[in-house]
């Protein structure tokens, strides 16, 4: 629940390709399904908002631009890259060997790299401005909020265990009213995220409109869930920052996911646009 891995970007890319790729592109997913290859996705360019068009440009199947920092770019067999084609957003599968890949350090510890494309060949997935682009957005919201739900659930479990055993002033922390009120707030934030996330994921899986529910889940993941993680840190005291104790992984990954979504205000703006 607290360690980042290639499953998140891989599943987002694979679900999108499986739903909107060609037969050949779908067959090429088999090694990923067997765990033999890594697939990843360029989430968003640096400085771009959640609704901004991609900065990369595609002409005649060749892409130029900088998709930003891509998780597992050097390890992947293919990167799903958004790019403008004929003035509309489109998706392309690009091989890392056809790109400039510069590894960078990340706060979560997962491998990542700055990817730069200069006339790199790419295979289009779906049509420009079509359902594939919308599917990538919704798959991303679903996967990121589901991961955030697990991260917060793990932090809540750690914190409950800590306050039930840590003693101060001859009492366990859980017997102090101020502590119980704060852990209750963490539980409420966790349940609110779960309800919105599961509703959106179910609707997405059933082929029903899911954008509003996933937008609410994304706001919870970027706002209340992050505040709940701060509360978990507070209730742990100094041990929460100890690198030999797992809470720092939950905190760091939860913050990373909130940034990946664009932050609290960006998600609130998107909800406002949907109302």
Protein backbone atom coordinates (compact mmCIF):
# COMPACT_ATOMS: atom_id res chain seq x y z
CA UNK A 1 0.00 0.00 0.00
CA UNK A 2 2.89 2.40 0.48
CA UNK A 3 5.53 1.51 -2.08
CA UNK A 4 5.21 2.84 -5.61
CA UNK A 5 5.49 0.38 -8.48
CA UNK A 6 4.92 0.08 -12.23
CA UNK A 7 1.36 -1.24 -11.78
CA UNK A 8 -0.21 2.24 -11.64
CA UNK A 9 1.09 3.72 -14.92
CA UNK A 10 1.06 0.28 -16.54
CA UNK A 11 -2.60 -0.42 -15.83
CA UNK A 12 -3.65 3.05 -16.97
CA UNK A 13 -1.86 2.60 -20.28
CA UNK A 14 -2.94 -1.03 -20.74
CA UNK A 15 -6.62 -0.36 -20.04
CA UNK A 16 -6.62 2.50 -22.52
CA UNK A 17 -4.90 0.49 -25.25
CA UNK A 18 -7.08 -2.57 -24.59
CA UNK A 19 -10.21 -0.49 -24.96
CA UNK A 20 -9.24 1.60 -28.00
CA UNK A 21 -6.16 0.13 -29.68
CA UNK A 22 -5.94 -1.94 -32.83
CA UNK A 23 -5.97 -5.73 -32.74
CA UNK A 24 -2.18 -5.73 -33.10
CA UNK A 25 -1.79 -3.24 -30.26
CA UNK A 26 -4.04 -5.35 -28.04
CA UNK A 27 -2.07 -8.51 -28.81
CA UNK A 28 1.13 -6.65 -27.92
CA UNK A 29 -0.20 -6.25 -24.36
CA UNK A 30 0.29 -9.98 -23.64
CA UNK A 31 3.87 -9.65 -22.30
CA UNK A 32 2.69 -6.87 -19.98
CA UNK A 33 -0.11 -9.09 -18.68
CA UNK A 34 2.41 -11.86 -18.02
CA UNK A 35 4.69 -9.48 -16.12
CA UNK A 36 7.43 -9.80 -18.72
CA UNK A 37 7.38 -6.16 -19.86
CA UNK A 38 6.65 -2.75 -18.35
CA UNK A 39 4.20 -0.31 -19.90
CA UNK A 40 3.93 3.31 -18.79
CA UNK A 41 2.18 6.58 -19.55
CA UNK A 42 3.19 10.24 -19.74
CA UNK A 43 0.70 11.73 -17.28
CA UNK A 44 1.19 15.45 -17.86
CA UNK A 45 3.82 17.97 -18.92
CA UNK A 46 5.49 20.06 -16.23
CA UNK A 47 3.45 23.14 -15.38
CA UNK A 48 0.37 21.96 -17.28
CA UNK A 49 -3.06 21.82 -15.64
CA UNK A 50 -5.33 18.74 -15.72
CA UNK A 51 -7.41 20.13 -18.59
CA UNK A 52 -4.60 21.64 -20.66
CA UNK A 53 -3.89 20.26 -24.16
CA UNK A 54 -0.68 18.27 -24.62
CA UNK A 55 2.40 20.24 -25.56
CA UNK A 56 3.89 17.54 -27.79
CA UNK A 57 3.08 17.79 -31.49
CA UNK A 58 2.49 14.84 -33.86
CA UNK A 59 2.88 15.13 -37.62
CA UNK A 60 2.67 12.16 -39.98
CA UNK A 61 3.10 9.72 -37.10
CA UNK A 62 6.19 11.42 -35.66
CA UNK A 63 6.16 13.24 -32.36
CA UNK A 64 8.19 16.19 -31.11
CA UNK A 65 8.00 17.59 -27.60
CA UNK A 66 8.76 16.90 -23.95
CA UNK A 67 6.02 14.85 -22.24
CA UNK A 68 7.63 15.59 -18.90
CA UNK A 69 8.78 13.21 -16.18
CA UNK A 70 7.56 9.70 -16.98
CA UNK A 71 7.62 6.88 -14.39
CA UNK A 72 9.56 3.78 -15.44
CA UNK A 73 10.37 5.34 -18.82
CA UNK A 74 13.77 3.69 -19.08
CA UNK A 75 12.40 0.30 -17.99
CA UNK A 76 9.30 0.32 -20.23
CA UNK A 77 8.85 -1.33 -23.58
CA UNK A 78 6.45 1.44 -24.63
CA UNK A 79 5.20 4.82 -23.38
CA UNK A 80 1.65 6.04 -24.01
CA UNK A 81 2.13 9.69 -24.94
CA UNK A 82 -0.58 12.35 -25.51
CA UNK A 83 0.19 14.73 -28.38
CA UNK A 84 -1.64 17.20 -30.59
CA UNK A 85 -2.43 15.84 -34.03
CA UNK A 86 -4.22 18.14 -36.46
CA UNK A 87 -5.12 20.46 -33.58
CA UNK A 88 -6.74 17.71 -31.50
CA UNK A 89 -5.40 15.60 -28.65
CA UNK A 90 -4.37 12.07 -29.61
CA UNK A 91 -2.52 9.15 -28.03
CA UNK A 92 0.61 7.44 -29.35
CA UNK A 93 2.68 4.46 -28.28
CA UNK A 94 6.35 5.45 -28.38
CA UNK A 95 9.36 3.18 -27.82
CA UNK A 96 11.85 4.54 -25.25
CA UNK A 97 14.66 3.67 -27.68
CA UNK A 98 13.27 6.31 -30.05
CA UNK A 99 13.33 9.00 -27.35
CA UNK A 100 15.87 10.83 -25.20
CA UNK A 101 15.43 9.39 -21.70
CA UNK A 102 17.24 11.10 -18.80
CA UNK A 103 16.75 9.42 -15.39
CA UNK A 104 15.86 11.69 -12.45
CA UNK A 105 15.43 11.16 -8.71
CA UNK A 106 11.89 11.18 -7.27
CA UNK A 107 10.46 11.68 -3.79
CA UNK A 108 8.75 8.28 -3.90
CA UNK A 109 11.91 6.43 -4.87
CA UNK A 110 10.37 4.97 -8.03
CA UNK A 111 12.39 5.12 -11.26
CA UNK A 112 11.47 8.01 -13.56
CA UNK A 113 12.99 9.97 -16.39
CA UNK A 114 12.59 13.18 -18.34
CA UNK A 115 11.50 12.11 -21.82
CA UNK A 116 12.27 14.28 -24.84
CA UNK A 117 10.92 13.40 -28.28
CA UNK A 118 12.46 14.71 -31.49
CA UNK A 119 10.63 13.42 -34.56
CA UNK A 120 10.10 10.10 -32.75
CA UNK A 121 7.89 7.49 -34.46
CA UNK A 122 4.67 6.62 -32.68
CA UNK A 123 1.68 4.31 -33.17
CA UNK A 124 -1.62 6.14 -32.79
CA UNK A 125 -4.13 4.63 -30.36
CA UNK A 126 -7.69 5.46 -31.35
CA UNK A 127 -8.54 8.65 -33.22
CA UNK A 128 -7.55 12.29 -32.54
CA UNK A 129 -10.05 13.90 -30.18
CA UNK A 130 -11.84 10.56 -29.82
CA UNK A 131 -12.85 8.21 -27.05
CA UNK A 132 -9.30 7.02 -26.34
CA UNK A 133 -8.26 10.44 -25.00
CA UNK A 134 -11.31 10.61 -22.72
CA UNK A 135 -10.68 7.03 -21.59
CA UNK A 136 -7.09 7.86 -20.63
CA UNK A 137 -8.31 10.74 -18.47
CA UNK A 138 -10.92 8.64 -16.68
CA UNK A 139 -8.62 5.62 -16.30
CA UNK A 140 -6.03 7.92 -14.76
CA UNK A 141 -8.51 9.37 -12.26
CA UNK A 142 -9.76 5.91 -11.33
CA UNK A 143 -6.30 4.39 -10.88
CA UNK A 144 -4.78 7.32 -9.01
CA UNK A 145 -7.70 7.73 -6.60
CA UNK A 146 -7.80 3.96 -5.96
CA UNK A 147 -4.10 4.04 -5.14
CA UNK A 148 -4.62 7.06 -2.88
CA UNK A 149 -7.40 5.15 -1.10
CA UNK A 150 -5.02 2.30 -0.32
CA UNK A 151 -2.27 4.69 0.78
CA UNK A 152 -4.58 6.43 3.24
CA UNK A 153 -6.05 3.14 4.50
CA UNK A 154 -2.54 1.91 5.25
CA UNK A 155 -1.62 5.14 7.06
CA UNK A 156 -4.84 4.92 9.11
CA UNK A 157 -4.06 1.33 10.13
CA UNK A 158 -0.53 2.28 11.19
CA UNK A 159 -1.80 5.24 13.19
CA UNK A 160 -4.53 3.26 14.93
CA UNK A 161 -1.95 0.70 15.96
CA UNK A 162 0.41 3.40 17.23
CA UNK A 163 -2.10 5.31 19.37
CA UNK A 164 -3.45 2.04 20.81
CA UNK A 165 -0.01 1.05 22.16
CA UNK A 166 1.96 4.27 22.68
CA UNK A 167 1.74 5.43 26.33
CA UNK A 168 2.15 8.95 27.68
CA UNK A 169 1.23 10.26 31.13
CA UNK A 170 0.49 6.64 32.15
CA UNK A 171 -2.24 6.29 29.49
CA UNK A 172 -2.31 5.07 25.92
CA UNK A 173 -2.75 7.89 23.44
CA UNK A 174 -6.10 6.52 22.26
CA UNK A 175 -7.61 7.36 25.66
CA UNK A 176 -7.11 11.10 25.12
CA UNK A 177 -10.21 12.77 23.68
CA UNK A 178 -8.21 15.08 21.40
CA UNK A 179 -6.48 12.06 19.85
CA UNK A 180 -9.71 10.14 19.28
CA UNK A 181 -11.27 13.17 17.58
CA UNK A 182 -8.31 13.49 15.20
CA UNK A 183 -8.18 9.79 14.27
CA UNK A 184 -11.94 9.97 13.67
CA UNK A 185 -11.33 12.76 11.15
CA UNK A 186 -8.80 10.51 9.36
CA UNK A 187 -11.36 7.70 9.24
CA UNK A 188 -14.01 10.03 7.81
CA UNK A 189 -11.60 11.26 5.12
CA UNK A 190 -10.74 7.67 4.23
CA UNK A 191 -14.40 6.61 3.96
CA UNK A 192 -15.33 9.70 1.91
CA UNK A 193 -12.56 8.92 -0.57
CA UNK A 194 -13.58 5.24 -0.72
CA UNK A 195 -17.24 6.00 -1.43
CA UNK A 196 -16.49 8.43 -4.25
CA UNK A 197 -13.74 6.23 -5.72
CA UNK A 198 -15.75 2.99 -5.71
CA UNK A 199 -18.79 4.74 -7.16
CA UNK A 200 -16.71 6.16 -10.00
CA UNK A 201 -14.85 2.91 -10.64
CA UNK A 202 -18.10 0.91 -10.71
CA UNK A 203 -19.70 3.34 -13.13
CA UNK A 204 -16.61 3.30 -15.32
CA UNK A 205 -16.58 -0.49 -15.37
CA UNK A 206 -20.28 -0.60 -16.27
CA UNK A 207 -19.86 1.83 -19.14
CA UNK A 208 -21.87 4.55 -17.35
CA UNK A 209 -20.91 8.25 -17.13
CA UNK A 210 -18.30 8.41 -14.37
CA UNK A 211 -16.59 11.78 -14.76
CA UNK A 212 -18.44 13.55 -11.93
CA UNK A 213 -17.91 10.77 -9.40
CA UNK A 214 -14.24 10.38 -10.29
CA UNK A 215 -13.78 14.16 -10.10
CA UNK A 216 -15.16 14.10 -6.54
CA UNK A 217 -12.85 11.20 -5.69
CA UNK A 218 -9.89 13.08 -7.17
CA UNK A 219 -10.71 16.16 -5.10
CA UNK A 220 -10.86 14.04 -1.94
CA UNK A 221 -7.52 12.43 -2.83
CA UNK A 222 -5.88 15.81 -3.42
CA UNK A 223 -7.46 17.61 -0.46
CA UNK A 224 -8.92 15.80 2.57
CA UNK A 225 -6.76 12.69 2.12
CA UNK A 226 -3.59 14.78 2.21
CA UNK A 227 -4.76 16.63 5.33
CA UNK A 228 -5.53 13.24 6.90
CA UNK A 229 -1.97 12.09 6.17
CA UNK A 230 -0.66 15.18 7.97
CA UNK A 231 -2.83 14.20 10.93
CA UNK A 232 -1.35 10.71 10.89
CA UNK A 233 2.11 12.25 11.01
CA UNK A 234 1.06 14.51 13.87
CA UNK A 235 -0.34 11.63 15.93
CA UNK A 236 2.85 9.64 15.43
CA UNK A 237 5.11 12.43 16.64
CA UNK A 238 8.72 12.19 15.50
CA UNK A 239 8.53 8.50 14.60
CA UNK A 240 6.44 9.37 11.55
CA UNK A 241 9.50 10.89 9.88
CA UNK A 242 11.79 7.99 10.76
CA UNK A 243 12.90 6.32 7.51
CA UNK A 244 12.96 2.93 9.24
CA UNK A 245 9.22 3.26 9.97
CA UNK A 246 6.79 2.90 7.02
CA UNK A 247 4.55 5.94 7.58
CA UNK A 248 6.85 8.22 5.57
CA UNK A 249 6.16 6.10 2.48
CA UNK A 250 2.42 6.59 2.82
CA UNK A 251 2.88 10.31 3.35
CA UNK A 252 5.29 10.79 0.44
CA UNK A 253 3.24 8.70 -2.00
CA UNK A 254 -0.02 10.37 -0.96
CA UNK A 255 1.47 13.81 -1.61
CA UNK A 256 2.86 12.63 -4.94
CA UNK A 257 -0.55 11.37 -6.05
CA UNK A 258 -2.16 14.68 -5.08
CA UNK A 259 0.41 16.52 -7.21
CA UNK A 260 -0.19 14.07 -10.04
CA UNK A 261 -3.87 15.00 -9.99
CA UNK A 262 -2.98 18.68 -10.21
CA UNK A 263 -3.68 19.59 -6.60
CA UNK A 264 -6.74 20.55 -4.58
CA UNK A 265 -7.67 23.78 -6.38
CA UNK A 266 -7.32 22.29 -9.86
CA UNK A 267 -9.68 19.45 -8.95
CA UNK A 268 -12.15 21.88 -7.38
CA UNK A 269 -12.13 23.91 -10.61
CA UNK A 270 -12.87 20.76 -12.62
CA UNK A 271 -15.81 19.89 -10.36
CA UNK A 272 -17.13 23.42 -10.83
CA UNK A 273 -16.91 23.04 -14.60
CA UNK A 274 -18.91 19.80 -14.42
CA UNK A 275 -21.74 21.22 -12.32
